[in-house]
Each structure stands twice: as structure tokens, then as C-alpha cells.
Amino acid sequence: MLRVLGRVTSINARKVLWTADEIGLTYEREDWGLPIRDPRVGQFLALNPNAQVPVLIDDGFALWESNAIMRYLGERHASPLWPTQPRERALVDQWMSWQATELNPAWTYAVYALLRRNPAYTDQERIAASIGKWTEGMQILEDRLQATGDYVANHRFSLADIVLALSTHRWMMTPFDKPKLPAVAAHYARVKSRAPAVAYLGAETP
């Protein structure tokens, strides 16, 4: 049986769990990650030396990095979430990579300051800069979704929509004045209507 090590409040763990649910896989989840269970112990570090969740264990095979895990599950189980045609797959991969390397890093300071209320994140200029960069990223997503009219890539639901809907969820949950992004809002509603999405886009999992 598959095992997923990670707390459900981790956005990266939710990527993997949602993917597994969309594919219809049976798995066991183990709580790891602060504040629930410290991953900086030998047992966990032997699986992921970065001490971060999630980690997937598939019949003794351990894999870390959430997007890599999603791709692996899509490939292993021949899921349409991960296309086989090279150009279609490349588009899904492009938007997954963009979410991880461009969009997500932009929000870090703002999320710690405004959503998590971390007392170490109070610099108003850095909050504003984070919001500005994050907003630029969300506008890129808005433009893309206006162009497609439905999903991020290939006009059908894919792994890219999972990661970007989770990013949109965090955008909506973080309290600050935001521009209207109607295509993003429509995409979020479309994806949230899928049964497997409900557990991962709730108010209790920002």
C-alpha cells in the first residue's frame, strides 16, 4: 500500500493527497511535519534529508518533492491528469514548475505576516513587496485562464489545475485588498466542484 508522510495542513502534502484521490488510489497517511511531528529525526531524514513533507513510500520506494510525486503517480497509474502526448505534457509541466518556482515564493512574506500572524514578519515594506509580486503572478494566471476559458492546459483538468487551485485558495484566504480576477475565481469554482477537491480547499486548510 502507498504511504504518504505529511500533515494535511501542508499545501504540498495536499497536492499529493488530492492527486491520489483523483486517481482513486488507496493509501495510508501518517502525520509528519511541525507542529505535529518533527521531521528532523533520523527516521524521517533517512527518507528525505531536507526534513520536509510530503514523502511518498510505494512498496519500499521513497520519493520526495511534491510535484515529482504527483508526476510519478500520474505516470505509474496512467492517469489522464498527466498527459502522454509530449506537448500536452510539457504544458502541464510548465505550469506546475511555474507555480513552484515563481508564484509560490512570491507569497512567503505576506502569508507569514497576514495569514499565519508570525511576529517575526512585521516589516510593512516587505509585506507590500510580497503582495505586489504575488499579485503580478496571479495576474499572469488570470490572463492564462481568460485565454483558455476553462483549465490551465489543454482544455482539461490536469495536475497543473491541482497545484494552481491550491495556490488560489491560499490567495483567497490571506487577508488583504485584492484586485478582481474573474477567470481565476471561475477556475477555482470549477475545480472546487470536483468531489476529491473538497477535502483540500476547505477554510481549515489555508
C-alpha atoms as a PDB file:
ATOM      1  CA  MET A   1       0.000   0.000   0.000  1.00  0.00           C
ATOM      2  CA  LEU A   2       1.072   3.562  -0.636  1.00  0.00           C
ATOM      3  CA  ARG A   3       2.035   5.684   2.345  1.00  0.00           C
ATOM      4  CA  VAL A   4       2.049   9.475   2.381  1.00  0.00           C
ATOM      5  CA  LEU A   5       4.005  11.120   5.174  1.00  0.00           C
ATOM      6  CA  GLY A   6       2.759  14.637   5.841  1.00  0.00           C
ATOM      7  CA  ARG A   7       0.232  16.750   7.680  1.00  0.00           C
ATOM      8  CA  VAL A   8      -2.890  17.697   5.774  1.00  0.00           C
ATOM      9  CA  THR A   9      -2.378  21.389   6.643  1.00  0.00           C
ATOM     10  CA  SER A  10       0.726  21.387   4.407  1.00  0.00           C
ATOM     11  CA  ILE A  11      -0.112  22.760   0.967  1.00  0.00           C
ATOM     12  CA  ASN A  12       2.473  20.445  -0.584  1.00  0.00           C
ATOM     13  CA  ALA A  13       1.070  17.389   1.154  1.00  0.00           C
ATOM     14  CA  ARG A  14      -2.389  18.369  -0.058  1.00  0.00           C
ATOM     15  CA  LYS A  15      -1.123  18.393  -3.649  1.00  0.00           C
ATOM     16  CA  VAL A  16      -0.142  14.750  -3.316  1.00  0.00           C
ATOM     17  CA  LEU A  17      -3.192  13.608  -1.370  1.00  0.00           C
ATOM     18  CA  TRP A  18      -5.554  15.302  -3.816  1.00  0.00           C
ATOM     19  CA  THR A  19      -3.732  13.695  -6.747  1.00  0.00           C
ATOM     20  CA  ALA A  20      -4.009  10.260  -5.159  1.00  0.00           C
ATOM     21  CA  ASP A  21      -7.714  10.809  -4.533  1.00  0.00           C
ATOM     22  CA  GLU A  22      -8.320  11.948  -8.124  1.00  0.00           C
ATOM     23  CA  ILE A  23      -6.619   8.803  -9.424  1.00  0.00           C
ATOM     24  CA  GLY A  24      -8.582   6.669  -6.963  1.00  0.00           C
ATOM     25  CA  LEU A  25      -5.630   5.233  -5.073  1.00  0.00           C
ATOM     26  CA  THR A  26      -5.730   3.555  -1.688  1.00  0.00           C
ATOM     27  CA  TYR A  27      -3.101   4.880   0.701  1.00  0.00           C
ATOM     28  CA  GLU A  28      -2.264   5.449   4.326  1.00  0.00           C
ATOM     29  CA  ARG A  29      -1.340   8.905   5.575  1.00  0.00           C
ATOM     30  CA  GLU A  30       0.975   9.442   8.527  1.00  0.00           C
ATOM     31  CA  ASP A  31       1.147  12.772  10.333  1.00  0.00           C
ATOM     32  CA  TRP A  32       4.594  14.303   9.931  1.00  0.00           C
ATOM     33  CA  GLY A  33       5.678  17.922   9.977  1.00  0.00           C
ATOM     34  CA  LEU A  34       5.692  20.591  12.636  1.00  0.00           C
ATOM     35  CA  PRO A  35       3.879  21.302  14.854  1.00  0.00           C
ATOM     36  CA  ILE A  36       2.500  17.737  14.841  1.00  0.00           C
ATOM     37  CA  ARG A  37       5.574  15.564  14.433  1.00  0.00           C
ATOM     38  CA  ASP A  38       9.114  16.836  13.972  1.00  0.00           C
ATOM     39  CA  PRO A  39      10.665  15.528  10.728  1.00  0.00           C
ATOM     40  CA  ARG A  40      14.180  16.408  11.883  1.00  0.00           C
ATOM     41  CA  VAL A  41      14.779  12.932  13.242  1.00  0.00           C
ATOM     42  CA  GLY A  42      16.816  10.107  11.813  1.00  0.00           C
ATOM     43  CA  GLN A  43      13.804   8.026  10.849  1.00  0.00           C
ATOM     44  CA  PHE A  44      12.461  10.769   8.610  1.00  0.00           C
ATOM     45  CA  LEU A  45      15.788  12.183   7.412  1.00  0.00           C
ATOM     46  CA  ALA A  46      16.669   8.764   6.015  1.00  0.00           C
ATOM     47  CA  LEU A  47      13.695   9.245   3.655  1.00  0.00           C
ATOM     48  CA  ASN A  48      14.102  12.976   2.959  1.00  0.00           C
ATOM     49  CA  PRO A  49      17.314  14.732   4.048  1.00  0.00           C
ATOM     50  CA  ASN A  50      15.553  18.086   3.653  1.00  0.00           C
ATOM     51  CA  ALA A  51      13.262  17.278   6.625  1.00  0.00           C
ATOM     52  CA  GLN A  52      10.209  18.409   4.675  1.00  0.00           C
ATOM     53  CA  VAL A  53       6.854  16.875   3.831  1.00  0.00           C
ATOM     54  CA  PRO A  54       5.453  15.145   1.936  1.00  0.00           C
ATOM     55  CA  VAL A  55       7.263  11.887   1.338  1.00  0.00           C
ATOM     56  CA  LEU A  56       5.699   9.066  -0.669  1.00  0.00           C
ATOM     57  CA  ILE A  57       6.568   5.448   0.023  1.00  0.00           C
ATOM     58  CA  ASP A  58       5.491   2.972  -2.645  1.00  0.00           C
ATOM     59  CA  ASP A  59       6.479  -0.611  -1.886  1.00  0.00           C
ATOM     60  CA  GLY A  60       9.784   0.463  -0.363  1.00  0.00           C
ATOM     61  CA  PHE A  61      10.449   3.213  -2.911  1.00  0.00           C
ATOM     62  CA  ALA A  62      10.710   6.626  -1.214  1.00  0.00           C
ATOM     63  CA  LEU A  63      10.197   9.869  -3.129  1.00  0.00           C
ATOM     64  CA  TRP A  64      10.139  13.496  -2.009  1.00  0.00           C
ATOM     65  CA  GLU A  65       9.250  16.837  -3.651  1.00  0.00           C
ATOM     66  CA  SER A  66       5.516  17.181  -4.103  1.00  0.00           C
ATOM     67  CA  ASN A  67       5.452  17.901  -7.835  1.00  0.00           C
ATOM     68  CA  ALA A  68       7.786  14.976  -8.524  1.00  0.00           C
ATOM     69  CA  ILE A  69       5.468  12.736  -6.511  1.00  0.00           C
ATOM     70  CA  MET A  70       2.440  13.959  -8.463  1.00  0.00           C
ATOM     71  CA  ARG A  71       4.146  13.252 -11.775  1.00  0.00           C
ATOM     72  CA  TYR A  72       5.235   9.825 -10.579  1.00  0.00           C
ATOM     73  CA  LEU A  73       1.711   8.875  -9.539  1.00  0.00           C
ATOM     74  CA  GLY A  74       0.287  10.149 -12.808  1.00  0.00           C
ATOM     75  CA  GLU A  75       2.819   8.173 -14.827  1.00  0.00           C
ATOM     76  CA  ARG A  76       2.682   4.995 -12.756  1.00  0.00           C
ATOM     77  CA  HIS A  77      -1.090   4.782 -12.878  1.00  0.00           C
ATOM     78  CA  ALA A  78      -1.522   6.035 -16.469  1.00  0.00           C
ATOM     79  CA  SER A  79      -3.704   8.904 -15.283  1.00  0.00           C
ATOM     80  CA  PRO A  80      -5.086  11.439 -17.773  1.00  0.00           C
ATOM     81  CA  LEU A  81      -4.050  14.064 -15.213  1.00  0.00           C
ATOM     82  CA  TRP A  82      -0.524  13.630 -16.630  1.00  0.00           C
ATOM     83  CA  PRO A  83      -0.805  13.547 -20.437  1.00  0.00           C
ATOM     84  CA  THR A  84       1.186  11.162 -22.601  1.00  0.00           C
ATOM     85  CA  GLN A  85       1.428  13.424 -25.660  1.00  0.00           C
ATOM     86  CA  PRO A  86       4.733  15.354 -25.331  1.00  0.00           C
ATOM     87  CA  ARG A  87       3.463  18.873 -25.993  1.00  0.00           C
ATOM     88  CA  GLU A  88       0.398  18.432 -23.808  1.00  0.00           C
ATOM     89  CA  ARG A  89       2.569  17.056 -21.002  1.00  0.00           C
ATOM     90  CA  ALA A  90       5.047  19.900 -21.421  1.00  0.00           C
ATOM     91  CA  LEU A  91       2.298  22.482 -20.901  1.00  0.00           C
ATOM     92  CA  VAL A  92       1.139  20.787 -17.706  1.00  0.00           C
ATOM     93  CA  ASP A  93       4.743  20.568 -16.535  1.00  0.00           C
ATOM     94  CA  GLN A  94       5.353  24.219 -17.415  1.00  0.00           C
ATOM     95  CA  TRP A  95       2.539  25.483 -15.211  1.00  0.00           C
ATOM     96  CA  MET A  96       3.416  23.122 -12.362  1.00  0.00           C
ATOM     97  CA  SER A  97       7.011  24.352 -12.470  1.00  0.00           C
ATOM     98  CA  TRP A  98       5.904  27.985 -12.623  1.00  0.00           C
ATOM     99  CA  GLN A  99       3.687  27.510  -9.577  1.00  0.00           C
ATOM    100  CA  ALA A 100       6.600  26.084  -7.582  1.00  0.00           C
ATOM    101  CA  THR A 101       9.379  28.423  -8.705  1.00  0.00           C
ATOM    102  CA  GLU A 102       7.680  31.752  -9.449  1.00  0.00           C
ATOM    103  CA  LEU A 103       4.213  32.012  -7.911  1.00  0.00           C
ATOM    104  CA  ASN A 104       4.683  30.324  -4.548  1.00  0.00           C
ATOM    105  CA  PRO A 105       7.919  32.068  -3.485  1.00  0.00           C
ATOM    106  CA  ALA A 106       6.252  35.449  -4.004  1.00  0.00           C
ATOM    107  CA  TRP A 107       3.725  34.934  -1.231  1.00  0.00           C
ATOM    108  CA  THR A 108       6.101  33.810   1.537  1.00  0.00           C
ATOM    109  CA  TYR A 109       6.473  37.029   3.494  1.00  0.00           C
ATOM    110  CA  ALA A 110       2.835  38.092   3.088  1.00  0.00           C
ATOM    111  CA  VAL A 111       1.481  34.714   4.179  1.00  0.00           C
ATOM    112  CA  TYR A 112       3.672  34.568   7.281  1.00  0.00           C
ATOM    113  CA  ALA A 113       2.704  38.128   8.165  1.00  0.00           C
ATOM    114  CA  LEU A 114      -1.002  38.258   7.339  1.00  0.00           C
ATOM    115  CA  LEU A 115      -2.251  34.679   7.437  1.00  0.00           C
ATOM    116  CA  ARG A 116      -0.017  32.978   9.992  1.00  0.00           C
ATOM    117  CA  ARG A 117       0.498  36.145  12.067  1.00  0.00           C
ATOM    118  CA  ASN A 118       4.130  35.265  12.718  1.00  0.00           C
ATOM    119  CA  PRO A 119       5.602  38.038  14.923  1.00  0.00           C
ATOM    120  CA  ALA A 120       8.897  37.856  13.029  1.00  0.00           C
ATOM    121  CA  TYR A 121       7.170  39.111   9.852  1.00  0.00           C
ATOM    122  CA  THR A 122       6.102  42.697  10.507  1.00  0.00           C
ATOM    123  CA  ASP A 123       8.111  44.758   8.016  1.00  0.00           C
ATOM    124  CA  GLN A 124       5.442  46.696   6.130  1.00  0.00           C
ATOM    125  CA  GLU A 125       7.658  47.324   3.107  1.00  0.00           C
ATOM    126  CA  ARG A 126       8.434  43.638   2.753  1.00  0.00           C
ATOM    127  CA  ILE A 127       4.759  42.760   3.170  1.00  0.00           C
ATOM    128  CA  ALA A 128       3.877  45.223   0.414  1.00  0.00           C
ATOM    129  CA  ALA A 129       6.634  43.890  -1.846  1.00  0.00           C
ATOM    130  CA  SER A 130       5.461  40.321  -1.317  1.00  0.00           C
ATOM    131  CA  ILE A 131       1.853  41.265  -2.085  1.00  0.00           C
ATOM    132  CA  GLY A 132       2.961  43.134  -5.188  1.00  0.00           C
ATOM    133  CA  LYS A 133       4.957  40.231  -6.575  1.00  0.00           C
ATOM    134  CA  TRP A 134       2.222  37.757  -5.660  1.00  0.00           C
ATOM    135  CA  THR A 135      -0.383  39.912  -7.400  1.00  0.00           C
ATOM    136  CA  GLU A 136       1.761  40.019 -10.542  1.00  0.00           C
ATOM    137  CA  GLY A 137       1.841  36.224 -10.537  1.00  0.00           C
ATOM    138  CA  MET A 138      -1.880  35.918 -10.046  1.00  0.00           C
ATOM    139  CA  GLN A 139      -2.435  38.311 -12.937  1.00  0.00           C
ATOM    140  CA  ILE A 140      -0.368  36.001 -15.147  1.00  0.00           C
ATOM    141  CA  LEU A 141      -2.660  33.159 -14.105  1.00  0.00           C
ATOM    142  CA  GLU A 142      -5.720  35.338 -14.754  1.00  0.00           C
ATOM    143  CA  ASP A 143      -4.502  36.135 -18.269  1.00  0.00           C
ATOM    144  CA  ARG A 144      -3.881  32.470 -18.979  1.00  0.00           C
ATOM    145  CA  LEU A 145      -7.308  31.397 -17.755  1.00  0.00           C
ATOM    146  CA  GLN A 146      -9.009  34.162 -19.694  1.00  0.00           C
ATOM    147  CA  ALA A 147      -7.279  32.825 -22.801  1.00  0.00           C
ATOM    148  CA  THR A 148      -8.218  29.189 -22.218  1.00  0.00           C
ATOM    149  CA  GLY A 149     -11.692  29.779 -20.784  1.00  0.00           C
ATOM    150  CA  ASP A 150     -11.558  26.628 -18.681  1.00  0.00           C
ATOM    151  CA  TYR A 151      -8.413  24.873 -17.424  1.00  0.00           C
ATOM    152  CA  VAL A 152      -4.763  25.841 -17.318  1.00  0.00           C
ATOM    153  CA  ALA A 153      -3.558  23.469 -20.039  1.00  0.00           C
ATOM    154  CA  ASN A 154      -5.059  21.501 -22.920  1.00  0.00           C
ATOM    155  CA  HIS A 155      -8.664  22.445 -22.030  1.00  0.00           C
ATOM    156  CA  ARG A 156      -8.990  19.665 -19.469  1.00  0.00           C
ATOM    157  CA  PHE A 157      -8.322  19.124 -15.785  1.00  0.00           C
ATOM    158  CA  SER A 158      -4.739  18.108 -15.000  1.00  0.00           C
ATOM    159  CA  LEU A 159      -2.078  18.108 -12.309  1.00  0.00           C
ATOM    160  CA  ALA A 160      -1.468  21.770 -13.128  1.00  0.00           C
ATOM    161  CA  ASP A 161      -5.002  22.667 -12.053  1.00  0.00           C
ATOM    162  CA  ILE A 162      -4.478  20.948  -8.703  1.00  0.00           C
ATOM    163  CA  VAL A 163      -1.389  22.946  -7.804  1.00  0.00           C
ATOM    164  CA  LEU A 164      -2.788  26.229  -9.073  1.00  0.00           C
ATOM    165  CA  ALA A 165      -6.161  25.822  -7.360  1.00  0.00           C
ATOM    166  CA  LEU A 166      -4.292  25.302  -4.091  1.00  0.00           C
ATOM    167  CA  SER A 167      -2.345  28.488  -4.768  1.00  0.00           C
ATOM    168  CA  THR A 168      -5.574  30.328  -5.489  1.00  0.00           C
ATOM    169  CA  HIS A 169      -7.017  29.006  -2.246  1.00  0.00           C
ATOM    170  CA  ARG A 170      -4.124  30.492  -0.310  1.00  0.00           C
ATOM    171  CA  TRP A 171      -4.538  33.781  -2.193  1.00  0.00           C
ATOM    172  CA  MET A 172      -8.201  33.935  -1.207  1.00  0.00           C
ATOM    173  CA  MET A 173      -7.504  33.003   2.423  1.00  0.00           C
ATOM    174  CA  THR A 174      -4.852  35.680   3.007  1.00  0.00           C
ATOM    175  CA  PRO A 175      -6.473  38.936   4.195  1.00  0.00           C
ATOM    176  CA  PHE A 176      -5.524  41.963   2.091  1.00  0.00           C
ATOM    177  CA  ASP A 177      -7.162  44.059  -0.623  1.00  0.00           C
ATOM    178  CA  LYS A 178      -7.025  42.158  -3.893  1.00  0.00           C
ATOM    179  CA  PRO A 179      -7.851  43.024  -7.489  1.00  0.00           C
ATOM    180  CA  LYS A 180     -10.742  41.229  -9.116  1.00  0.00           C
ATOM    181  CA  LEU A 181      -9.598  38.164 -11.030  1.00  0.00           C
ATOM    182  CA  PRO A 182     -12.791  36.746 -12.557  1.00  0.00           C
ATOM    183  CA  ALA A 183     -11.159  33.991 -14.598  1.00  0.00           C
ATOM    184  CA  VAL A 184      -9.187  32.800 -11.564  1.00  0.00           C
ATOM    185  CA  ALA A 185     -12.368  32.822  -9.475  1.00  0.00           C
ATOM    186  CA  ALA A 186     -14.238  30.849 -12.152  1.00  0.00           C
ATOM    187  CA  HIS A 187     -11.428  28.305 -12.403  1.00  0.00           C
ATOM    188  CA  TYR A 188     -11.351  27.917  -8.618  1.00  0.00           C
ATOM    189  CA  ALA A 189     -15.107  27.309  -8.507  1.00  0.00           C
ATOM    190  CA  ARG A 190     -14.891  24.837 -11.408  1.00  0.00           C
ATOM    191  CA  VAL A 191     -12.117  22.836  -9.751  1.00  0.00           C
ATOM    192  CA  LYS A 192     -13.662  23.033  -6.284  1.00  0.00           C
ATOM    193  CA  SER A 193     -16.811  21.358  -7.628  1.00  0.00           C
ATOM    194  CA  ARG A 194     -14.864  18.118  -8.090  1.00  0.00           C
ATOM    195  CA  ALA A 195     -15.554  15.674  -5.259  1.00  0.00           C
ATOM    196  CA  PRO A 196     -11.880  14.974  -4.416  1.00  0.00           C
ATOM    197  CA  ALA A 197     -11.180  18.717  -4.121  1.00  0.00           C
ATOM    198  CA  VAL A 198     -13.500  19.337  -1.182  1.00  0.00           C
ATOM    199  CA  ALA A 199     -11.146  17.995   1.485  1.00  0.00           C
ATOM    200  CA  TYR A 200      -8.248  20.170   0.294  1.00  0.00           C
ATOM    201  CA  LEU A 201      -9.861  23.517  -0.384  1.00  0.00           C
ATOM    202  CA  GLY A 202     -11.653  23.979   2.934  1.00  0.00           C
ATOM    203  CA  ALA A 203     -11.335  27.000   5.182  1.00  0.00           C
ATOM    204  CA  GLU A 204      -9.481  24.935   7.791  1.00  0.00           C
ATOM    205  CA  THR A 205      -6.579  24.231   5.402  1.00  0.00           C
ATOM    206  CA  PRO A 206      -5.092  27.569   4.331  1.00  0.00           C
END
